[in-house]
Amino acid sequence: MLIVASALDIWKREIHDMLWVIFGAIAIVLIFVESLSYQSLIEVAFSLIIAPIALVLWRMGFFGGADAFSLIVLAALAPQLTLTENFVTPLTTLTNAALLSIVILITNFIRNLIAILNHRDVFAGFAENKLRKICAMFLGYRSTNPKYGFSIEKSDGAHKKLDFVIHHAEKAEFCKTKDTWVTPGIPFMIYIAAGFIVQLIFGDVVINAITTILQ
């Protein structure tokens, strides 16, 4: 399900609601077929704690409706599923996804560092202090021909200024202005799929890290 959703999100930047209807229906059938005990029903109900959290994050614009529905349907289809003995929670896929999304920050910084080392003035025309420039190097990059990115700059008289605003996942429009600082508009669905895979083979990254430190 997540692989199909990720592929559609990359290809069309939109996921039809029918995908969640189909897999949601499968989840309901499986719940009634396999939930032969009170304990199994409790596990599904506990996993669905993610539902209100996902819906709130969606309405606040942190990610799209498809991301919220994927987490809810996944909780019903595979409640706290893992192939390890490590501890997982209803929030594990989401927290793993959030951690994995940090990778793009590192990628952005390396990309900008390489550009600077190649004597490219990525901040030409900007009147900013060093701290804000460093932040920009993590959050985005200067694109000559942006396609799937959100602008993080604005005009300020004769100069440009960096504009670190939170873009609404469903309302913000992709930047099409050439030679603009943008933050990548990578579908969060990709991180959700990766977060679930990590959950399967490793468990909860945050909880396991804390447990290891405390031991």
C-alpha atoms as a PDB file:
ATOM      1  CA  MET A   1       0.000   0.000   0.000  1.00  0.00           C
ATOM      2  CA  LEU A   2       2.686   2.483   1.030  1.00  0.00           C
ATOM      3  CA  ILE A   3       4.848   1.673  -1.994  1.00  0.00           C
ATOM      4  CA  VAL A   4       1.915   2.288  -4.352  1.00  0.00           C
ATOM      5  CA  ALA A   5       1.044   5.513  -2.536  1.00  0.00           C
ATOM      6  CA  SER A   6       4.658   6.726  -2.626  1.00  0.00           C
ATOM      7  CA  ALA A   7       4.949   5.974  -6.346  1.00  0.00           C
ATOM      8  CA  LEU A   8       1.724   7.881  -7.079  1.00  0.00           C
ATOM      9  CA  ASP A   9       2.829  10.797  -4.912  1.00  0.00           C
ATOM     10  CA  ILE A  10       6.140  11.065  -6.761  1.00  0.00           C
ATOM     11  CA  TRP A  11       4.596  10.578 -10.196  1.00  0.00           C
ATOM     12  CA  LYS A  12       1.399  12.649  -9.962  1.00  0.00           C
ATOM     13  CA  ARG A  13       1.877  14.525  -6.675  1.00  0.00           C
ATOM     14  CA  GLU A  14      -1.612  13.350  -5.804  1.00  0.00           C
ATOM     15  CA  ILE A  15      -3.102  10.153  -4.388  1.00  0.00           C
ATOM     16  CA  HIS A  16      -6.703   9.241  -5.161  1.00  0.00           C
ATOM     17  CA  ASP A  17      -8.918   8.658  -2.129  1.00  0.00           C
ATOM     18  CA  MET A  18     -10.004   5.335  -3.626  1.00  0.00           C
ATOM     19  CA  LEU A  19      -6.676   3.828  -2.562  1.00  0.00           C
ATOM     20  CA  TRP A  20      -7.537   4.413   1.105  1.00  0.00           C
ATOM     21  CA  VAL A  21     -11.108   3.221   0.598  1.00  0.00           C
ATOM     22  CA  ILE A  22      -9.860  -0.071  -0.840  1.00  0.00           C
ATOM     23  CA  PHE A  23      -7.222  -0.725   1.801  1.00  0.00           C
ATOM     24  CA  GLY A  24      -9.502   0.584   4.537  1.00  0.00           C
ATOM     25  CA  ALA A  25     -12.128  -1.954   3.478  1.00  0.00           C
ATOM     26  CA  ILE A  26      -9.489  -4.700   3.500  1.00  0.00           C
ATOM     27  CA  ALA A  27      -8.490  -3.642   7.013  1.00  0.00           C
ATOM     28  CA  ILE A  28     -12.090  -3.841   8.239  1.00  0.00           C
ATOM     29  CA  VAL A  29     -12.516  -7.311   6.744  1.00  0.00           C
ATOM     30  CA  LEU A  30      -9.263  -8.516   8.307  1.00  0.00           C
ATOM     31  CA  ILE A  31     -10.276  -7.114  11.696  1.00  0.00           C
ATOM     32  CA  PHE A  32     -13.496  -9.129  11.685  1.00  0.00           C
ATOM     33  CA  VAL A  33     -11.883 -12.253  10.223  1.00  0.00           C
ATOM     34  CA  GLU A  34      -8.738 -12.351  12.350  1.00  0.00           C
ATOM     35  CA  SER A  35      -9.810 -10.598  15.533  1.00  0.00           C
ATOM     36  CA  LEU A  36     -11.087 -13.686  17.278  1.00  0.00           C
ATOM     37  CA  SER A  37     -10.127 -12.474  20.729  1.00  0.00           C
ATOM     38  CA  TYR A  38     -10.705  -9.462  22.902  1.00  0.00           C
ATOM     39  CA  GLN A  39      -6.931  -8.939  23.085  1.00  0.00           C
ATOM     40  CA  SER A  40      -6.551  -8.574  19.315  1.00  0.00           C
ATOM     41  CA  LEU A  41      -9.364  -6.022  19.201  1.00  0.00           C
ATOM     42  CA  ILE A  42      -7.643  -4.044  21.946  1.00  0.00           C
ATOM     43  CA  GLU A  43      -4.405  -4.065  19.910  1.00  0.00           C
ATOM     44  CA  VAL A  44      -6.174  -2.604  16.872  1.00  0.00           C
ATOM     45  CA  ALA A  45      -7.973  -0.016  18.983  1.00  0.00           C
ATOM     46  CA  PHE A  46      -4.707   0.970  20.671  1.00  0.00           C
ATOM     47  CA  SER A  47      -2.953   1.297  17.306  1.00  0.00           C
ATOM     48  CA  LEU A  48      -5.660   3.680  16.123  1.00  0.00           C
ATOM     49  CA  ILE A  49      -4.503   6.212  18.712  1.00  0.00           C
ATOM     50  CA  ILE A  50      -2.519   7.548  15.771  1.00  0.00           C
ATOM     51  CA  ALA A  51      -5.776   8.578  14.023  1.00  0.00           C
ATOM     52  CA  PRO A  52      -6.593  11.815  15.905  1.00  0.00           C
ATOM     53  CA  ILE A  53      -2.915  12.805  15.949  1.00  0.00           C
ATOM     54  CA  ALA A  54      -2.592  12.299  12.187  1.00  0.00           C
ATOM     55  CA  LEU A  55      -5.799  14.223  11.503  1.00  0.00           C
ATOM     56  CA  VAL A  56      -4.699  17.171  13.664  1.00  0.00           C
ATOM     57  CA  LEU A  57      -1.290  17.319  11.946  1.00  0.00           C
ATOM     58  CA  TRP A  58      -3.064  17.226   8.579  1.00  0.00           C
ATOM     59  CA  ARG A  59      -5.431  20.067   9.472  1.00  0.00           C
ATOM     60  CA  MET A  60      -2.485  22.109  10.752  1.00  0.00           C
ATOM     61  CA  GLY A  61      -0.775  21.669   7.385  1.00  0.00           C
ATOM     62  CA  PHE A  62       2.248  19.685   8.524  1.00  0.00           C
ATOM     63  CA  PHE A  63       1.456  16.993   5.936  1.00  0.00           C
ATOM     64  CA  GLY A  64      -1.267  16.103   3.455  1.00  0.00           C
ATOM     65  CA  GLY A  65      -4.528  14.257   3.856  1.00  0.00           C
ATOM     66  CA  ALA A  66      -3.099  11.234   2.064  1.00  0.00           C
ATOM     67  CA  ASP A  67      -0.334  11.014   4.666  1.00  0.00           C
ATOM     68  CA  ALA A  68      -2.881  11.113   7.495  1.00  0.00           C
ATOM     69  CA  PHE A  69      -5.089   8.461   5.904  1.00  0.00           C
ATOM     70  CA  SER A  70      -2.099   6.213   5.206  1.00  0.00           C
ATOM     71  CA  LEU A  71      -1.133   6.235   8.890  1.00  0.00           C
ATOM     72  CA  ILE A  72      -4.711   5.459   9.957  1.00  0.00           C
ATOM     73  CA  VAL A  73      -5.228   2.639   7.456  1.00  0.00           C
ATOM     74  CA  LEU A  74      -1.781   1.235   8.238  1.00  0.00           C
ATOM     75  CA  ALA A  75      -2.642   1.178  11.955  1.00  0.00           C
ATOM     76  CA  ALA A  76      -5.710  -0.928  11.169  1.00  0.00           C
ATOM     77  CA  LEU A  77      -3.977  -3.191   8.638  1.00  0.00           C
ATOM     78  CA  ALA A  78      -0.789  -3.875  10.585  1.00  0.00           C
ATOM     79  CA  PRO A  79      -1.184  -2.751  14.205  1.00  0.00           C
ATOM     80  CA  GLN A  80       2.296  -2.208  15.688  1.00  0.00           C
ATOM     81  CA  LEU A  81       3.771  -4.794  13.320  1.00  0.00           C
ATOM     82  CA  THR A  82       7.485  -5.513  13.664  1.00  0.00           C
ATOM     83  CA  LEU A  83       9.734  -8.447  12.815  1.00  0.00           C
ATOM     84  CA  THR A  84      11.966  -7.796  15.804  1.00  0.00           C
ATOM     85  CA  GLU A  85      11.557  -8.081  19.549  1.00  0.00           C
ATOM     86  CA  ASN A  86      12.155  -4.358  19.934  1.00  0.00           C
ATOM     87  CA  PHE A  87       9.397  -2.215  21.411  1.00  0.00           C
ATOM     88  CA  VAL A  88       7.082  -0.286  19.076  1.00  0.00           C
ATOM     89  CA  THR A  89       4.148   2.046  19.669  1.00  0.00           C
ATOM     90  CA  PRO A  90       1.245   3.329  17.546  1.00  0.00           C
ATOM     91  CA  LEU A  91       3.433   6.371  16.830  1.00  0.00           C
ATOM     92  CA  THR A  92       6.542   4.462  15.746  1.00  0.00           C
ATOM     93  CA  THR A  93       6.014   4.760  11.986  1.00  0.00           C
ATOM     94  CA  LEU A  94       5.414   8.500  12.326  1.00  0.00           C
ATOM     95  CA  THR A  95       8.389   9.166  14.608  1.00  0.00           C
ATOM     96  CA  ASN A  96      10.656   7.041  12.408  1.00  0.00           C
ATOM     97  CA  ALA A  97       9.436   9.002   9.378  1.00  0.00           C
ATOM     98  CA  ALA A  98      10.109  12.318  11.107  1.00  0.00           C
ATOM     99  CA  LEU A  99      13.661  11.245  11.940  1.00  0.00           C
ATOM    100  CA  LEU A 100      14.310  10.048   8.390  1.00  0.00           C
ATOM    101  CA  SER A 101      13.138  13.388   7.023  1.00  0.00           C
ATOM    102  CA  ILE A 102      16.200  14.938   8.682  1.00  0.00           C
ATOM    103  CA  VAL A 103      18.301  13.262   5.971  1.00  0.00           C
ATOM    104  CA  ILE A 104      17.207  15.903   3.463  1.00  0.00           C
ATOM    105  CA  LEU A 105      18.616  18.629   5.744  1.00  0.00           C
ATOM    106  CA  ILE A 106      22.029  16.984   5.652  1.00  0.00           C
ATOM    107  CA  THR A 107      21.732  16.499   1.888  1.00  0.00           C
ATOM    108  CA  ASN A 108      20.900  20.182   1.406  1.00  0.00           C
ATOM    109  CA  PHE A 109      23.881  21.291   3.491  1.00  0.00           C
ATOM    110  CA  ILE A 110      26.309  19.049   1.596  1.00  0.00           C
ATOM    111  CA  ARG A 111      24.893  20.264  -1.718  1.00  0.00           C
ATOM    112  CA  ASN A 112      25.349  23.907  -0.723  1.00  0.00           C
ATOM    113  CA  LEU A 113      28.802  23.278   0.709  1.00  0.00           C
ATOM    114  CA  ILE A 114      29.930  21.704  -2.565  1.00  0.00           C
ATOM    115  CA  ALA A 115      28.535  24.688  -4.484  1.00  0.00           C
ATOM    116  CA  ILE A 116      30.417  27.123  -2.235  1.00  0.00           C
ATOM    117  CA  LEU A 117      33.649  25.121  -2.512  1.00  0.00           C
ATOM    118  CA  ASN A 118      33.221  25.354  -6.285  1.00  0.00           C
ATOM    119  CA  HIS A 119      33.231  29.160  -5.868  1.00  0.00           C
ATOM    120  CA  ARG A 120      29.530  29.628  -6.554  1.00  0.00           C
ATOM    121  CA  ASP A 121      28.032  32.578  -4.666  1.00  0.00           C
ATOM    122  CA  VAL A 122      24.739  30.982  -3.644  1.00  0.00           C
ATOM    123  CA  PHE A 123      23.833  34.031  -1.552  1.00  0.00           C
ATOM    124  CA  ALA A 124      24.440  36.653  -4.241  1.00  0.00           C
ATOM    125  CA  GLY A 125      21.919  39.476  -3.846  1.00  0.00           C
ATOM    126  CA  PHE A 126      21.030  38.576  -0.250  1.00  0.00           C
ATOM    127  CA  ALA A 127      21.488  40.826   2.769  1.00  0.00           C
ATOM    128  CA  GLU A 128      21.574  38.260   5.568  1.00  0.00           C
ATOM    129  CA  ASN A 129      23.726  37.411   8.583  1.00  0.00           C
ATOM    130  CA  LYS A 130      25.819  34.250   8.783  1.00  0.00           C
ATOM    131  CA  LEU A 131      23.439  32.412  11.106  1.00  0.00           C
ATOM    132  CA  ARG A 132      20.477  32.749   8.738  1.00  0.00           C
ATOM    133  CA  LYS A 133      22.678  31.728   5.815  1.00  0.00           C
ATOM    134  CA  ILE A 134      23.748  28.588   7.673  1.00  0.00           C
ATOM    135  CA  CYS A 135      20.095  27.798   8.435  1.00  0.00           C
ATOM    136  CA  ALA A 136      19.266  28.243   4.755  1.00  0.00           C
ATOM    137  CA  MET A 137      22.007  25.810   3.783  1.00  0.00           C
ATOM    138  CA  PHE A 138      20.225  23.118   5.792  1.00  0.00           C
ATOM    139  CA  LEU A 139      16.670  24.019   4.784  1.00  0.00           C
ATOM    140  CA  GLY A 140      17.115  24.409   1.047  1.00  0.00           C
ATOM    141  CA  TYR A 141      19.302  25.360  -1.889  1.00  0.00           C
ATOM    142  CA  ARG A 142      19.471  27.874  -4.714  1.00  0.00           C
ATOM    143  CA  SER A 143      17.811  26.304  -7.731  1.00  0.00           C
ATOM    144  CA  THR A 144      18.324  27.534 -11.274  1.00  0.00           C
ATOM    145  CA  ASN A 145      15.108  25.876 -12.431  1.00  0.00           C
ATOM    146  CA  PRO A 146      12.933  24.759  -9.484  1.00  0.00           C
ATOM    147  CA  LYS A 147      10.177  22.252 -10.134  1.00  0.00           C
ATOM    148  CA  TYR A 148       9.038  20.650  -6.899  1.00  0.00           C
ATOM    149  CA  GLY A 149      10.158  23.105  -4.244  1.00  0.00           C
ATOM    150  CA  PHE A 150       8.783  25.927  -2.109  1.00  0.00           C
ATOM    151  CA  SER A 151      10.379  29.374  -2.146  1.00  0.00           C
ATOM    152  CA  ILE A 152      12.212  30.457   1.010  1.00  0.00           C
ATOM    153  CA  GLU A 153      13.124  33.947  -0.174  1.00  0.00           C
ATOM    154  CA  LYS A 154      11.389  37.297  -0.635  1.00  0.00           C
ATOM    155  CA  SER A 155      12.247  40.699  -2.085  1.00  0.00           C
ATOM    156  CA  ASP A 156      13.298  43.466   0.312  1.00  0.00           C
ATOM    157  CA  GLY A 157      14.001  46.595  -1.675  1.00  0.00           C
ATOM    158  CA  ALA A 158      17.224  46.263  -3.615  1.00  0.00           C
ATOM    159  CA  HIS A 159      18.103  43.031  -1.851  1.00  0.00           C
ATOM    160  CA  LYS A 160      16.575  39.656  -1.153  1.00  0.00           C
ATOM    161  CA  LYS A 161      15.806  38.181   2.258  1.00  0.00           C
ATOM    162  CA  LEU A 162      15.460  34.591   3.364  1.00  0.00           C
ATOM    163  CA  ASP A 163      11.903  33.741   4.359  1.00  0.00           C
ATOM    164  CA  PHE A 164      11.716  30.807   6.764  1.00  0.00           C
ATOM    165  CA  VAL A 165       7.984  30.162   6.882  1.00  0.00           C
ATOM    166  CA  ILE A 166       6.142  26.887   7.363  1.00  0.00           C
ATOM    167  CA  HIS A 167       4.458  25.958   4.103  1.00  0.00           C
ATOM    168  CA  HIS A 168       1.019  24.369   4.310  1.00  0.00           C
ATOM    169  CA  ALA A 169       1.372  20.888   2.829  1.00  0.00           C
ATOM    170  CA  GLU A 170      -1.800  21.126   0.728  1.00  0.00           C
ATOM    171  CA  LYS A 171      -2.186  24.851   0.063  1.00  0.00           C
ATOM    172  CA  ALA A 172       1.339  26.005  -0.749  1.00  0.00           C
ATOM    173  CA  GLU A 173       2.234  26.250  -4.439  1.00  0.00           C
ATOM    174  CA  PHE A 174       5.482  25.034  -5.944  1.00  0.00           C
ATOM    175  CA  CYS A 175       7.945  27.758  -6.872  1.00  0.00           C
ATOM    176  CA  LYS A 176       8.503  28.250 -10.605  1.00  0.00           C
ATOM    177  CA  THR A 177      10.767  31.306 -10.462  1.00  0.00           C
ATOM    178  CA  LYS A 178      14.255  30.598 -11.769  1.00  0.00           C
ATOM    179  CA  ASP A 179      17.370  31.161  -9.664  1.00  0.00           C
ATOM    180  CA  THR A 180      15.467  31.000  -6.365  1.00  0.00           C
ATOM    181  CA  TRP A 181      16.216  29.577  -2.947  1.00  0.00           C
ATOM    182  CA  VAL A 182      13.765  26.728  -2.379  1.00  0.00           C
ATOM    183  CA  THR A 183      13.146  24.006   0.150  1.00  0.00           C
ATOM    184  CA  PRO A 184      12.516  20.591  -1.463  1.00  0.00           C
ATOM    185  CA  GLY A 185       8.879  19.527  -1.660  1.00  0.00           C
ATOM    186  CA  ILE A 186       9.550  15.839  -1.051  1.00  0.00           C
ATOM    187  CA  PRO A 187       6.332  13.860  -0.427  1.00  0.00           C
ATOM    188  CA  PHE A 188       6.141  12.867   3.240  1.00  0.00           C
ATOM    189  CA  MET A 189       4.602   9.589   2.056  1.00  0.00           C
ATOM    190  CA  ILE A 190       8.103   8.450   1.120  1.00  0.00           C
ATOM    191  CA  TYR A 191       9.263   8.975   4.690  1.00  0.00           C
ATOM    192  CA  ILE A 192       6.195   7.176   6.047  1.00  0.00           C
ATOM    193  CA  ALA A 193       6.955   4.150   3.860  1.00  0.00           C
ATOM    194  CA  ALA A 194      10.599   4.208   4.931  1.00  0.00           C
ATOM    195  CA  GLY A 195       9.579   4.690   8.566  1.00  0.00           C
ATOM    196  CA  PHE A 196       7.385   1.608   8.405  1.00  0.00           C
ATOM    197  CA  ILE A 197      10.197  -0.451   6.879  1.00  0.00           C
ATOM    198  CA  VAL A 198      12.490   0.665   9.707  1.00  0.00           C
ATOM    199  CA  GLN A 199       9.755  -0.319  12.165  1.00  0.00           C
ATOM    200  CA  LEU A 200       9.626  -3.791  10.638  1.00  0.00           C
ATOM    201  CA  ILE A 201      13.358  -4.486  10.764  1.00  0.00           C
ATOM    202  CA  PHE A 202      14.478  -2.360  13.706  1.00  0.00           C
ATOM    203  CA  GLY A 203      11.518  -1.100  15.704  1.00  0.00           C
ATOM    204  CA  ASP A 204      11.225   2.365  17.205  1.00  0.00           C
ATOM    205  CA  VAL A 205      14.434   4.329  16.622  1.00  0.00           C
ATOM    206  CA  VAL A 206      13.775   6.864  19.383  1.00  0.00           C
ATOM    207  CA  ILE A 207      12.793   4.344  22.052  1.00  0.00           C
ATOM    208  CA  ASN A 208      15.631   1.981  21.164  1.00  0.00           C
ATOM    209  CA  ALA A 209      18.141   4.843  21.295  1.00  0.00           C
ATOM    210  CA  ILE A 210      16.884   5.965  24.710  1.00  0.00           C
ATOM    211  CA  THR A 211      16.913   2.380  25.992  1.00  0.00           C
ATOM    212  CA  THR A 212      20.490   1.880  24.788  1.00  0.00           C
ATOM    213  CA  ILE A 213      21.649   5.104  26.454  1.00  0.00           C
ATOM    214  CA  LEU A 214      19.999   4.223  29.769  1.00  0.00           C
ATOM    215  CA  GLN A 215      21.401   0.694  29.892  1.00  0.00           C
END
